[in-house]
Structure formats: structure tokens, C-alpha cells
Amino acid sequence: AEMLPAIDDYYWTMAARRRLLYVQREGAPVALCTFFILDSEAEVPRYHQRPMWSTPSDTPSGTVLYIDKLLGLDWDRDLFRAIEGAITEAVPQWQVAVWYRPSQDEDRRYTYRRRDV
């Protein structure tokens, strides 16, 4: 219960900074994504290793996205493209997106380079 205020603050802060994306299909929510905008991929480990619900400042003009939280239903190519489109609309200058997928041993890093630029 004591984590709830931190989680609540996290999502409100990310929404206020326009770093929260909500994707719908046919009016129903299917994905939620929060991210930070960075200047370089070298900054990613610092954001990945920070306290889970903290919201450090980022660089709005940056071209690297660190995908912090990514929640979705029924993952498929269409959902991935919808998230990519929402990100491009919110941050048109992005070039690279980085996220980590948790595993039992260690988090696995994924890097996606934008194709249409």
C-alpha cells in the first residue's frame, strides 16, 4: 500500500510531461507506454538503473527514447505499429528506441532503429 503513492505520482508526472502514451483499438485500451527522451544511447543505463518509480528530467529535443514501462494486451505487429505511430506523433524527432525486457537472469536490452528517416 505504501508503493501506491509513488506509482500514482509517477504516472501523473509522466502524463504532465507528455511522456505517457495510451493506445486504443476500437475505443478499448490495448497499451500503455511511458518513456524518457535522451540525447544519446550512452544515457540509457542511468535511466534503466534508477529507482523504479522515479521521474528524472530528460531532454525534450533528444532523439533517443528509453521506453520505461510498456504494458499491452495481445502483442502483435499491429499493436507494435500503433505504439510506434503514437511515439512518432508525440516525439517526431526520435531515431532510436531502447527498452529492457525482464528475465530471470538479467534484463535483456532491445534496440529499435527507426526505419522511415
PDB file of N, CA and C in Angstrom:
ATOM      1  N   ALA A   1       0.814  -1.205   0.000  1.00  0.00           N
ATOM      2  CA  ALA A   1       0.000   0.000   0.000  1.00  0.00           C
ATOM      3  C   ALA A   1       0.850   1.260   0.000  1.00  0.00           C
ATOM      4  N   GLU A   2       2.050   1.183   0.618  1.00  0.00           N
ATOM      5  CA  GLU A   2       2.871   2.390   0.638  1.00  0.00           C
ATOM      6  C   GLU A   2       3.493   2.682  -0.726  1.00  0.00           C
ATOM      7  N   MET A   3       3.511   1.721  -1.647  1.00  0.00           N
ATOM      8  CA  MET A   3       4.006   1.955  -3.002  1.00  0.00           C
ATOM      9  C   MET A   3       3.012   2.725  -3.857  1.00  0.00           C
ATOM     10  N   LEU A   4       1.728   2.648  -3.525  1.00  0.00           N
ATOM     11  CA  LEU A   4       0.705   3.272  -4.371  1.00  0.00           C
ATOM     12  C   LEU A   4       0.925   4.766  -4.590  1.00  0.00           C
ATOM     13  N   PRO A   5       1.267   5.565  -3.572  1.00  0.00           N
ATOM     14  CA  PRO A   5       1.512   6.980  -3.850  1.00  0.00           C
ATOM     15  C   PRO A   5       2.662   7.192  -4.839  1.00  0.00           C
ATOM     16  N   ALA A   6       3.722   6.404  -4.751  1.00  0.00           N
ATOM     17  CA  ALA A   6       4.849   6.544  -5.674  1.00  0.00           C
ATOM     18  C   ALA A   6       4.423   6.202  -7.097  1.00  0.00           C
ATOM     19  N   ILE A   7       3.636   5.154  -7.254  1.00  0.00           N
ATOM     20  CA  ILE A   7       3.144   4.765  -8.578  1.00  0.00           C
ATOM     21  C   ILE A   7       2.221   5.842  -9.130  1.00  0.00           C
ATOM     22  N   ASP A   8       1.332   6.320  -8.310  1.00  0.00           N
ATOM     23  CA  ASP A   8       0.408   7.383  -8.705  1.00  0.00           C
ATOM     24  C   ASP A   8       1.178   8.633  -9.137  1.00  0.00           C
ATOM     25  N   ASP A   9       2.149   9.046  -8.333  1.00  0.00           N
ATOM     26  CA  ASP A   9       2.965  10.219  -8.676  1.00  0.00           C
ATOM     27  C   ASP A   9       3.708  10.010  -9.989  1.00  0.00           C
ATOM     28  N   TYR A  10       4.238   8.809 -10.176  1.00  0.00           N
ATOM     29  CA  TYR A  10       4.972   8.501 -11.403  1.00  0.00           C
ATOM     30  C   TYR A  10       4.087   8.741 -12.633  1.00  0.00           C
ATOM     31  N   TYR A  11       2.909   8.129 -12.656  1.00  0.00           N
ATOM     32  CA  TYR A  11       2.052   8.243 -13.840  1.00  0.00           C
ATOM     33  C   TYR A  11       1.516   9.660 -14.030  1.00  0.00           C
ATOM     34  N   TRP A  12       1.192  10.364 -12.965  1.00  0.00           N
ATOM     35  CA  TRP A  12       0.742  11.753 -13.096  1.00  0.00           C
ATOM     36  C   TRP A  12       1.864  12.633 -13.633  1.00  0.00           C
ATOM     37  N   THR A  13       3.078  12.434 -13.139  1.00  0.00           N
ATOM     38  CA  THR A  13       4.219  13.223 -13.613  1.00  0.00           C
ATOM     39  C   THR A  13       4.501  12.933 -15.078  1.00  0.00           C
ATOM     40  N   MET A  14       4.507  11.671 -15.443  1.00  0.00           N
ATOM     41  CA  MET A  14       4.777  11.314 -16.834  1.00  0.00           C
ATOM     42  C   MET A  14       3.685  11.851 -17.763  1.00  0.00           C
ATOM     43  N   ALA A  15       2.451  11.823 -17.330  1.00  0.00           N
ATOM     44  CA  ALA A  15       1.365  12.384 -18.144  1.00  0.00           C
ATOM     45  C   ALA A  15       1.531  13.896 -18.290  1.00  0.00           C
ATOM     46  N   ALA A  16       1.867  14.578 -17.207  1.00  0.00           N
ATOM     47  CA  ALA A  16       2.050  16.034 -17.260  1.00  0.00           C
ATOM     48  C   ALA A  16       3.202  16.409 -18.189  1.00  0.00           C
ATOM     49  N   ARG A  17       4.221  15.574 -18.264  1.00  0.00           N
ATOM     50  CA  ARG A  17       5.372  15.821 -19.148  1.00  0.00           C
ATOM     51  C   ARG A  17       5.123  15.340 -20.578  1.00  0.00           C
ATOM     52  N   ARG A  18       3.970  14.766 -20.822  1.00  0.00           N
ATOM     53  CA  ARG A  18       3.631  14.204 -22.128  1.00  0.00           C
ATOM     54  C   ARG A  18       4.564  13.042 -22.481  1.00  0.00           C
ATOM     55  N   ARG A  19       4.832  12.210 -21.487  1.00  0.00           N
ATOM     56  CA  ARG A  19       5.687  11.032 -21.649  1.00  0.00           C
ATOM     57  C   ARG A  19       4.896   9.750 -21.400  1.00  0.00           C
ATOM     58  N   LEU A  20       3.591   9.843 -21.508  1.00  0.00           N
ATOM     59  CA  LEU A  20       2.712   8.695 -21.327  1.00  0.00           C
ATOM     60  C   LEU A  20       1.855   8.573 -22.574  1.00  0.00           C
ATOM     61  N   LEU A  21       1.859   7.401 -23.191  1.00  0.00           N
ATOM     62  CA  LEU A  21       1.043   7.145 -24.379  1.00  0.00           C
ATOM     63  C   LEU A  21       0.035   6.053 -24.060  1.00  0.00           C
ATOM     64  N   TYR A  22      -1.151   6.262 -24.542  1.00  0.00           N
ATOM     65  CA  TYR A  22      -2.273   5.366 -24.315  1.00  0.00           C
ATOM     66  C   TYR A  22      -2.794   4.977 -25.690  1.00  0.00           C
ATOM     67  N   VAL A  23      -2.733   3.710 -26.047  1.00  0.00           N
ATOM     68  CA  VAL A  23      -3.143   3.253 -27.371  1.00  0.00           C
ATOM     69  C   VAL A  23      -4.466   2.498 -27.248  1.00  0.00           C
ATOM     70  N   GLN A  24      -5.388   2.823 -28.160  1.00  0.00           N
ATOM     71  CA  GLN A  24      -6.708   2.185 -28.171  1.00  0.00           C
ATOM     72  C   GLN A  24      -6.954   1.494 -29.506  1.00  0.00           C
ATOM     73  N   ARG A  25      -7.794   0.482 -29.462  1.00  0.00           N
ATOM     74  CA  ARG A  25      -8.331  -0.158 -30.668  1.00  0.00           C
ATOM     75  C   ARG A  25      -9.831  -0.220 -30.496  1.00  0.00           C
ATOM     76  N   GLU A  26     -10.525   0.328 -31.454  1.00  0.00           N
ATOM     77  CA  GLU A  26     -11.991   0.327 -31.415  1.00  0.00           C
ATOM     78  C   GLU A  26     -12.503   0.854 -30.082  1.00  0.00           C
ATOM     79  N   GLY A  27     -11.845   1.893 -29.571  1.00  0.00           N
ATOM     80  CA  GLY A  27     -12.273   2.542 -28.338  1.00  0.00           C
ATOM     81  C   GLY A  27     -11.870   1.850 -27.053  1.00  0.00           C
ATOM     82  N   ALA A  28     -11.190   0.713 -27.159  1.00  0.00           N
ATOM     83  CA  ALA A  28     -10.774  -0.027 -25.960  1.00  0.00           C
ATOM     84  C   ALA A  28      -9.268   0.129 -25.753  1.00  0.00           C
ATOM     85  N   PRO A  29      -8.832   0.306 -24.502  1.00  0.00           N
ATOM     86  CA  PRO A  29      -7.395   0.431 -24.249  1.00  0.00           C
ATOM     87  C   PRO A  29      -6.672  -0.888 -24.519  1.00  0.00           C
ATOM     88  N   VAL A  30      -5.533  -0.810 -25.229  1.00  0.00           N
ATOM     89  CA  VAL A  30      -4.759  -2.015 -25.511  1.00  0.00           C
ATOM     90  C   VAL A  30      -3.284  -1.882 -25.111  1.00  0.00           C
ATOM     91  N   ALA A  31      -2.805  -0.650 -24.878  1.00  0.00           N
ATOM     92  CA  ALA A  31      -1.402  -0.489 -24.486  1.00  0.00           C
ATOM     93  C   ALA A  31      -1.198   0.830 -23.756  1.00  0.00           C
ATOM     94  N   LEU A  32      -0.214   0.799 -22.874  1.00  0.00           N
ATOM     95  CA  LEU A  32       0.204   1.983 -22.125  1.00  0.00           C
ATOM     96  C   LEU A  32       1.727   1.988 -22.161  1.00  0.00           C
ATOM     97  N   CYS A  33       2.307   3.137 -22.495  1.00  0.00           N
ATOM     98  CA  CYS A  33       3.751   3.239 -22.637  1.00  0.00           C
ATOM     99  C   CYS A  33       4.229   4.528 -21.981  1.00  0.00           C
ATOM    100  N   THR A  34       5.275   4.442 -21.168  1.00  0.00           N
ATOM    101  CA  THR A  34       5.925   5.640 -20.652  1.00  0.00           C
ATOM    102  C   THR A  34       7.371   5.620 -21.133  1.00  0.00           C
ATOM    103  N   PHE A  35       7.940   6.794 -21.324  1.00  0.00           N
ATOM    104  CA  PHE A  35       9.275   6.875 -21.903  1.00  0.00           C
ATOM    105  C   PHE A  35       9.973   8.163 -21.474  1.00  0.00           C
ATOM    106  N   PHE A  36      11.279   8.163 -21.639  1.00  0.00           N
ATOM    107  CA  PHE A  36      12.109   9.348 -21.439  1.00  0.00           C
ATOM    108  C   PHE A  36      12.791   9.654 -22.762  1.00  0.00           C
ATOM    109  N   ILE A  37      13.058  10.924 -23.031  1.00  0.00           N
ATOM    110  CA  ILE A  37      13.744  11.350 -24.248  1.00  0.00           C
ATOM    111  C   ILE A  37      15.171  11.729 -23.860  1.00  0.00           C
ATOM    112  N   LEU A  38      16.125  11.115 -24.534  1.00  0.00           N
ATOM    113  CA  LEU A  38      17.534  11.303 -24.196  1.00  0.00           C
ATOM    114  C   LEU A  38      18.333  11.815 -25.394  1.00  0.00           C
ATOM    115  N   ASP A  39      19.540  12.308 -25.101  1.00  0.00           N
ATOM    116  CA  ASP A  39      20.426  12.778 -26.168  1.00  0.00           C
ATOM    117  C   ASP A  39      21.214  11.661 -26.824  1.00  0.00           C
ATOM    118  N   SER A  40      21.521  10.604 -26.062  1.00  0.00           N
ATOM    119  CA  SER A  40      22.334   9.534 -26.626  1.00  0.00           C
ATOM    120  C   SER A  40      22.021   8.199 -25.953  1.00  0.00           C
ATOM    121  N   GLU A  41      22.388   7.124 -26.652  1.00  0.00           N
ATOM    122  CA  GLU A  41      22.195   5.781 -26.100  1.00  0.00           C
ATOM    123  C   GLU A  41      23.052   5.563 -24.858  1.00  0.00           C
ATOM    124  N   ALA A  42      24.131   6.318 -24.723  1.00  0.00           N
ATOM    125  CA  ALA A  42      25.008   6.179 -23.554  1.00  0.00           C
ATOM    126  C   ALA A  42      24.285   6.539 -22.258  1.00  0.00           C
ATOM    127  N   GLU A  43      23.205   7.324 -22.342  1.00  0.00           N
ATOM    128  CA  GLU A  43      22.445   7.710 -21.155  1.00  0.00           C
ATOM    129  C   GLU A  43      21.476   6.624 -20.683  1.00  0.00           C
ATOM    130  N   VAL A  44      21.169   5.667 -21.530  1.00  0.00           N
ATOM    131  CA  VAL A  44      20.151   4.658 -21.230  1.00  0.00           C
ATOM    132  C   VAL A  44      20.421   3.895 -19.924  1.00  0.00           C
ATOM    133  N   PRO A  45      21.636   3.387 -19.683  1.00  0.00           N
ATOM    134  CA  PRO A  45      21.842   2.631 -18.439  1.00  0.00           C
ATOM    135  C   PRO A  45      21.513   3.431 -17.175  1.00  0.00           C
ATOM    136  N   ARG A  46      21.797   4.720 -17.174  1.00  0.00           N
ATOM    137  CA  ARG A  46      21.488   5.539 -15.996  1.00  0.00           C
ATOM    138  C   ARG A  46      19.983   5.578 -15.737  1.00  0.00           C
ATOM    139  N   TYR A  47      19.188   5.657 -16.781  1.00  0.00           N
ATOM    140  CA  TYR A  47      17.727   5.672 -16.620  1.00  0.00           C
ATOM    141  C   TYR A  47      17.208   4.290 -16.251  1.00  0.00           C
ATOM    142  N   HIS A  48      17.795   3.256 -16.835  1.00  0.00           N
ATOM    143  CA  HIS A  48      17.346   1.886 -16.546  1.00  0.00           C
ATOM    144  C   HIS A  48      17.652   1.486 -15.095  1.00  0.00           C
ATOM    145  N   GLN A  49      18.751   1.979 -14.552  1.00  0.00           N
ATOM    146  CA  GLN A  49      19.182   1.582 -13.211  1.00  0.00           C
ATOM    147  C   GLN A  49      18.667   2.499 -12.101  1.00  0.00           C
ATOM    148  N   ARG A  50      17.882   3.490 -12.432  1.00  0.00           N
ATOM    149  CA  ARG A  50      17.364   4.419 -11.415  1.00  0.00           C
ATOM    150  C   ARG A  50      16.275   3.730 -10.574  1.00  0.00           C
ATOM    151  N   PRO A  51      15.870   4.336  -9.447  1.00  0.00           N
ATOM    152  CA  PRO A  51      14.740   3.761  -8.692  1.00  0.00           C
ATOM    153  C   PRO A  51      13.491   3.649  -9.584  1.00  0.00           C
ATOM    154  N   MET A  52      12.758   2.561  -9.442  1.00  0.00           N
ATOM    155  CA  MET A  52      11.675   2.204 -10.361  1.00  0.00           C
ATOM    156  C   MET A  52      10.652   3.308 -10.636  1.00  0.00           C
ATOM    157  N   TRP A  53      10.200   4.001  -9.620  1.00  0.00           N
ATOM    158  CA  TRP A  53       9.115   4.970  -9.806  1.00  0.00           C
ATOM    159  C   TRP A  53       9.610   6.420  -9.801  1.00  0.00           C
ATOM    160  N   SER A  54      10.907   6.618  -9.990  1.00  0.00           N
ATOM    161  CA  SER A  54      11.429   7.990 -10.034  1.00  0.00           C
ATOM    162  C   SER A  54      11.228   8.581 -11.432  1.00  0.00           C
ATOM    163  N   THR A  55      11.233   9.893 -11.511  1.00  0.00           N
ATOM    164  CA  THR A  55      10.982  10.578 -12.783  1.00  0.00           C
ATOM    165  C   THR A  55      12.048  11.648 -13.029  1.00  0.00           C
ATOM    166  N   PRO A  56      13.279  11.230 -13.324  1.00  0.00           N
ATOM    167  CA  PRO A  56      14.315  12.226 -13.591  1.00  0.00           C
ATOM    168  C   PRO A  56      13.983  13.036 -14.837  1.00  0.00           C
ATOM    169  N   SER A  57      14.527  14.224 -14.906  1.00  0.00           N
ATOM    170  CA  SER A  57      14.286  15.058 -16.085  1.00  0.00           C
ATOM    171  C   SER A  57      14.950  14.418 -17.300  1.00  0.00           C
ATOM    172  N   ASP A  58      14.463  14.771 -18.462  1.00  0.00           N
ATOM    173  CA  ASP A  58      15.040  14.268 -19.696  1.00  0.00           C
ATOM    174  C   ASP A  58      15.286  15.439 -20.644  1.00  0.00           C
ATOM    175  N   THR A  59      15.528  15.149 -21.916  1.00  0.00           N
ATOM    176  CA  THR A  59      15.863  16.174 -22.908  1.00  0.00           C
ATOM    177  C   THR A  59      14.805  16.170 -24.005  1.00  0.00           C
ATOM    178  N   PRO A  60      13.834  17.087 -23.953  1.00  0.00           N
ATOM    179  CA  PRO A  60      12.737  17.065 -24.933  1.00  0.00           C
ATOM    180  C   PRO A  60      13.179  17.095 -26.394  1.00  0.00           C
ATOM    181  N   SER A  61      14.340  17.654 -26.690  1.00  0.00           N
ATOM    182  CA  SER A  61      14.805  17.726 -28.077  1.00  0.00           C
ATOM    183  C   SER A  61      15.645  16.520 -28.487  1.00  0.00           C
ATOM    184  N   GLY A  62      15.832  15.553 -27.597  1.00  0.00           N
ATOM    185  CA  GLY A  62      16.663  14.386 -27.884  1.00  0.00           C
ATOM    186  C   GLY A  62      16.067  13.482 -28.948  1.00  0.00           C
ATOM    187  N   THR A  63      16.880  12.539 -29.409  1.00  0.00           N
ATOM    188  CA  THR A  63      16.456  11.621 -30.476  1.00  0.00           C
ATOM    189  C   THR A  63      16.420  10.160 -30.036  1.00  0.00           C
ATOM    190  N   VAL A  64      16.788   9.895 -28.786  1.00  0.00           N
ATOM    191  CA  VAL A  64      16.804   8.528 -28.265  1.00  0.00           C
ATOM    192  C   VAL A  64      15.696   8.385 -27.229  1.00  0.00           C
ATOM    193  N   LEU A  65      14.875   7.357 -27.385  1.00  0.00           N
ATOM    194  CA  LEU A  65      13.816   7.090 -26.420  1.00  0.00           C
ATOM    195  C   LEU A  65      14.211   5.918 -25.541  1.00  0.00           C
ATOM    196  N   TYR A  66      14.053   6.108 -24.250  1.00  0.00           N
ATOM    197  CA  TYR A  66      14.174   4.984 -23.320  1.00  0.00           C
ATOM    198  C   TYR A  66      12.748   4.630 -22.925  1.00  0.00           C
ATOM    199  N   ILE A  67      12.284   3.470 -23.365  1.00  0.00           N
ATOM    200  CA  ILE A  67      10.941   3.009 -23.042  1.00  0.00           C
ATOM    201  C   ILE A  67      10.994   2.463 -21.618  1.00  0.00           C
ATOM    202  N   ASP A  68      10.328   3.134 -20.707  1.00  0.00           N
ATOM    203  CA  ASP A  68      10.416   2.775 -19.297  1.00  0.00           C
ATOM    204  C   ASP A  68       9.407   1.696 -18.914  1.00  0.00           C
ATOM    205  N   LYS A  69       8.157   1.926 -19.181  1.00  0.00           N
ATOM    206  CA  LYS A  69       7.102   0.961 -18.872  1.00  0.00           C
ATOM    207  C   LYS A  69       6.328   0.718 -20.168  1.00  0.00           C
ATOM    208  N   LEU A  70       6.052  -0.542 -20.450  1.00  0.00           N
ATOM    209  CA  LEU A  70       5.327  -0.900 -21.662  1.00  0.00           C
ATOM    210  C   LEU A  70       4.365  -2.028 -21.314  1.00  0.00           C
ATOM    211  N   LEU A  71       3.099  -1.693 -21.242  1.00  0.00           N
ATOM    212  CA  LEU A  71       2.060  -2.652 -20.884  1.00  0.00           C
ATOM    213  C   LEU A  71       1.133  -2.814 -22.075  1.00  0.00           C
ATOM    214  N   GLY A  72       0.831  -4.039 -22.425  1.00  0.00           N
ATOM    215  CA  GLY A  72      -0.046  -4.229 -23.563  1.00  0.00           C
ATOM    216  C   GLY A  72      -0.782  -5.554 -23.510  1.00  0.00           C
ATOM    217  N   LEU A  73      -1.856  -5.616 -24.281  1.00  0.00           N
ATOM    218  CA  LEU A  73      -2.658  -6.823 -24.421  1.00  0.00           C
ATOM    219  C   LEU A  73      -2.463  -7.373 -25.825  1.00  0.00           C
ATOM    220  N   ASP A  74      -2.397  -8.686 -25.949  1.00  0.00           N
ATOM    221  CA  ASP A  74      -2.352  -9.325 -27.267  1.00  0.00           C
ATOM    222  C   ASP A  74      -1.311  -8.698 -28.186  1.00  0.00           C
ATOM    223  N   TRP A  75      -0.039  -8.835 -27.840  1.00  0.00           N
ATOM    224  CA  TRP A  75       1.037  -8.257 -28.642  1.00  0.00           C
ATOM    225  C   TRP A  75       1.061  -8.862 -30.028  1.00  0.00           C
ATOM    226  N   ASP A  76       1.085  -7.995 -31.025  1.00  0.00           N
ATOM    227  CA  ASP A  76       1.219  -8.410 -32.410  1.00  0.00           C
ATOM    228  C   ASP A  76       1.802  -7.247 -33.201  1.00  0.00           C
ATOM    229  N   ARG A  77       2.045  -7.462 -34.464  1.00  0.00           N
ATOM    230  CA  ARG A  77       2.650  -6.431 -35.314  1.00  0.00           C
ATOM    231  C   ARG A  77       1.791  -5.155 -35.360  1.00  0.00           C
ATOM    232  N   ASP A  78       0.477  -5.310 -35.413  1.00  0.00           N
ATOM    233  CA  ASP A  78      -0.404  -4.141 -35.460  1.00  0.00           C
ATOM    234  C   ASP A  78      -0.284  -3.295 -34.202  1.00  0.00           C
ATOM    235  N   LEU A  79      -0.202  -3.936 -33.044  1.00  0.00           N
ATOM    236  CA  LEU A  79      -0.051  -3.178 -31.806  1.00  0.00           C
ATOM    237  C   LEU A  79       1.307  -2.487 -31.769  1.00  0.00           C
ATOM    238  N   PHE A  80       2.354  -3.187 -32.190  1.00  0.00           N
ATOM    239  CA  PHE A  80       3.685  -2.579 -32.249  1.00  0.00           C
ATOM    240  C   PHE A  80       3.667  -1.345 -33.149  1.00  0.00           C
ATOM    241  N   ARG A  81       3.039  -1.445 -34.313  1.00  0.00           N
ATOM    242  CA  ARG A  81       2.958  -0.311 -35.252  1.00  0.00           C
ATOM    243  C   ARG A  81       2.123   0.834 -34.658  1.00  0.00           C
ATOM    244  N   ALA A  82       1.070   0.504 -33.925  1.00  0.00           N
ATOM    245  CA  ALA A  82       0.246   1.545 -33.294  1.00  0.00           C
ATOM    246  C   ALA A  82       1.061   2.302 -32.239  1.00  0.00           C
ATOM    247  N   ILE A  83       1.858   1.572 -31.465  1.00  0.00           N
ATOM    248  CA  ILE A  83       2.711   2.220 -30.460  1.00  0.00           C
ATOM    249  C   ILE A  83       3.768   3.075 -31.158  1.00  0.00           C
ATOM    250  N   GLU A  84       4.374   2.533 -32.198  1.00  0.00           N
ATOM    251  CA  GLU A  84       5.377   3.287 -32.959  1.00  0.00           C
ATOM    252  C   GLU A  84       4.767   4.567 -33.530  1.00  0.00           C
ATOM    253  N   GLY A  85       3.552   4.483 -34.052  1.00  0.00           N
ATOM    254  CA  GLY A  85       2.884   5.660 -34.603  1.00  0.00           C
ATOM    255  C   GLY A  85       2.586   6.695 -33.529  1.00  0.00           C
ATOM    256  N   ALA A  86       2.139   6.239 -32.367  1.00  0.00           N
ATOM    257  CA  ALA A  86       1.856   7.168 -31.264  1.00  0.00           C
ATOM    258  C   ALA A  86       3.133   7.848 -30.787  1.00  0.00           C
ATOM    259  N   ILE A  87       4.223   7.092 -30.722  1.00  0.00           N
ATOM    260  CA  ILE A  87       5.501   7.677 -30.332  1.00  0.00           C
ATOM    261  C   ILE A  87       5.952   8.708 -31.361  1.00  0.00           C
ATOM    262  N   THR A  88       5.834   8.378 -32.644  1.00  0.00           N
ATOM    263  CA  THR A  88       6.258   9.288 -33.697  1.00  0.00           C
ATOM    264  C   THR A  88       5.430  10.568 -33.679  1.00  0.00           C
ATOM    265  N   GLU A  89       4.159  10.448 -33.382  1.00  0.00           N
ATOM    266  CA  GLU A  89       3.309  11.635 -33.278  1.00  0.00           C
ATOM    267  C   GLU A  89       3.728  12.499 -32.091  1.00  0.00           C
ATOM    268  N   ALA A  90       4.057  11.871 -30.979  1.00  0.00           N
ATOM    269  CA  ALA A  90       4.432  12.607 -29.759  1.00  0.00           C
ATOM    270  C   ALA A  90       5.855  13.153 -29.817  1.00  0.00           C
ATOM    271  N   VAL A  91       6.762  12.395 -30.442  1.00  0.00           N
ATOM    272  CA  VAL A  91       8.184  12.761 -30.491  1.00  0.00           C
ATOM    273  C   VAL A  91       8.681  12.548 -31.925  1.00  0.00           C
ATOM    274  N   PRO A  92       8.355  13.471 -32.837  1.00  0.00           N
ATOM    275  CA  PRO A  92       8.672  13.243 -34.249  1.00  0.00           C
ATOM    276  C   PRO A  92      10.161  13.109 -34.570  1.00  0.00           C
ATOM    277  N   GLN A  93      11.024  13.613 -33.703  1.00  0.00           N
ATOM    278  CA  GLN A  93      12.462  13.574 -33.989  1.00  0.00           C
ATOM    279  C   GLN A  93      13.154  12.290 -33.548  1.00  0.00           C
ATOM    280  N   TRP A  94      12.434  11.357 -32.937  1.00  0.00           N
ATOM    281  CA  TRP A  94      13.102  10.165 -32.411  1.00  0.00           C
ATOM    282  C   TRP A  94      13.739   9.355 -33.536  1.00  0.00           C
ATOM    283  N   GLN A  95      14.898   8.757 -33.213  1.00  0.00           N
ATOM    284  CA  GLN A  95      15.644   7.935 -34.164  1.00  0.00           C
ATOM    285  C   GLN A  95      15.839   6.504 -33.662  1.00  0.00           C
ATOM    286  N   VAL A  96      15.989   6.365 -32.333  1.00  0.00           N
ATOM    287  CA  VAL A  96      16.285   5.073 -31.721  1.00  0.00           C
ATOM    288  C   VAL A  96      15.422   4.908 -30.475  1.00  0.00           C
ATOM    289  N   ALA A  97      14.874   3.719 -30.288  1.00  0.00           N
ATOM    290  CA  ALA A  97      14.140   3.401 -29.056  1.00  0.00           C
ATOM    291  C   ALA A  97      14.824   2.214 -28.390  1.00  0.00           C
ATOM    292  N   VAL A  98      14.994   2.308 -27.068  1.00  0.00           N
ATOM    293  CA  VAL A  98      15.649   1.249 -26.303  1.00  0.00           C
ATOM    294  C   VAL A  98      14.727   0.850 -25.162  1.00  0.00           C
ATOM    295  N   TRP A  99      14.570  -0.440 -24.951  1.00  0.00           N
ATOM    296  CA  TRP A  99      13.817  -0.915 -23.795  1.00  0.00           C
ATOM    297  C   TRP A  99      14.441  -2.212 -23.313  1.00  0.00           C
ATOM    298  N   TYR A 100      14.106  -2.560 -22.103  1.00  0.00           N
ATOM    299  CA  TYR A 100      14.618  -3.785 -21.491  1.00  0.00           C
ATOM    300  C   TYR A 100      13.453  -4.695 -21.168  1.00  0.00           C
ATOM    301  N   ARG A 101      13.642  -5.954 -21.463  1.00  0.00           N
ATOM    302  CA  ARG A 101      12.632  -6.961 -21.119  1.00  0.00           C
ATOM    303  C   ARG A 101      13.179  -7.782 -19.963  1.00  0.00           C
ATOM    304  N   PRO A 102      12.463  -7.810 -18.850  1.00  0.00           N
ATOM    305  CA  PRO A 102      12.961  -8.552 -17.690  1.00  0.00           C
ATOM    306  C   PRO A 102      13.005 -10.056 -17.950  1.00  0.00           C
ATOM    307  N   SER A 103      14.001 -10.689 -17.384  1.00  0.00           N
ATOM    308  CA  SER A 103      14.064 -12.142 -17.418  1.00  0.00           C
ATOM    309  C   SER A 103      14.542 -12.615 -16.052  1.00  0.00           C
ATOM    310  N   GLN A 104      14.610 -13.913 -15.867  1.00  0.00           N
ATOM    311  CA  GLN A 104      15.021 -14.434 -14.563  1.00  0.00           C
ATOM    312  C   GLN A 104      16.488 -14.147 -14.277  1.00  0.00           C
ATOM    313  N   ASP A 105      17.333 -14.158 -15.289  1.00  0.00           N
ATOM    314  CA  ASP A 105      18.759 -13.943 -15.092  1.00  0.00           C
ATOM    315  C   ASP A 105      19.123 -12.464 -15.077  1.00  0.00           C
ATOM    316  N   GLU A 106      18.820 -11.785 -16.148  1.00  0.00           N
ATOM    317  CA  GLU A 106      19.090 -10.353 -16.245  1.00  0.00           C
ATOM    318  C   GLU A 106      18.189  -9.755 -17.313  1.00  0.00           C
ATOM    319  N   ASP A 107      17.994  -8.454 -17.249  1.00  0.00           N
ATOM    320  CA  ASP A 107      17.142  -7.797 -18.228  1.00  0.00           C
ATOM    321  C   ASP A 107      17.824  -7.822 -19.601  1.00  0.00           C
ATOM    322  N   ARG A 108      17.044  -8.111 -20.614  1.00  0.00           N
ATOM    323  CA  ARG A 108      17.584  -8.149 -21.969  1.00  0.00           C
ATOM    324  C   ARG A 108      17.280  -6.833 -22.675  1.00  0.00           C
ATOM    325  N   ARG A 109      18.302  -6.227 -23.233  1.00  0.00           N
ATOM    326  CA  ARG A 109      18.157  -4.936 -23.905  1.00  0.00           C
ATOM    327  C   ARG A 109      17.746  -5.141 -25.355  1.00  0.00           C
ATOM    328  N   TYR A 110      16.776  -4.334 -25.795  1.00  0.00           N
ATOM    329  CA  TYR A 110      16.329  -4.304 -27.185  1.00  0.00           C
ATOM    330  C   TYR A 110      16.526  -2.893 -27.721  1.00  0.00           C
ATOM    331  N   THR A 111      17.033  -2.800 -28.923  1.00  0.00           N
ATOM    332  CA  THR A 111      17.233  -1.503 -29.570  1.00  0.00           C
ATOM    333  C   THR A 111      16.518  -1.535 -30.909  1.00  0.00           C
ATOM    334  N   TYR A 112      15.692  -0.531 -31.140  1.00  0.00           N
ATOM    335  CA  TYR A 112      14.938  -0.442 -32.390  1.00  0.00           C
ATOM    336  C   TYR A 112      15.304   0.871 -33.076  1.00  0.00           C
ATOM    337  N   ARG A 113      15.784   0.789 -34.297  1.00  0.00           N
ATOM    338  CA  ARG A 113      16.155   1.986 -35.051  1.00  0.00           C
ATOM    339  C   ARG A 113      15.046   2.302 -36.055  1.00  0.00           C
ATOM    340  N   ARG A 114      14.618   3.536 -36.005  1.00  0.00           N
ATOM    341  CA  ARG A 114      13.523   3.982 -36.867  1.00  0.00           C
ATOM    342  C   ARG A 114      13.878   3.777 -38.336  1.00  0.00           C
ATOM    343  N   ARG A 115      12.942   3.280 -39.102  1.00  0.00           N
ATOM    344  CA  ARG A 115      13.205   2.936 -40.495  1.00  0.00           C
ATOM    345  C   ARG A 115      12.817   4.021 -41.499  1.00  0.00           C
ATOM    346  N   ASP A 116      11.916   4.895 -41.156  1.00  0.00           N
ATOM    347  CA  ASP A 116      11.363   5.833 -42.147  1.00  0.00           C
ATOM    348  C   ASP A 116      12.110   7.160 -42.242  1.00  0.00           C
ATOM    349  N   VAL A 117      13.298   7.258 -41.669  1.00  0.00           N
ATOM    350  CA  VAL A 117      14.039   8.526 -41.733  1.00  0.00           C
ATOM    351  C   VAL A 117      15.330   8.370 -42.484  1.00  0.00           C
TER     352      VAL A 117
END
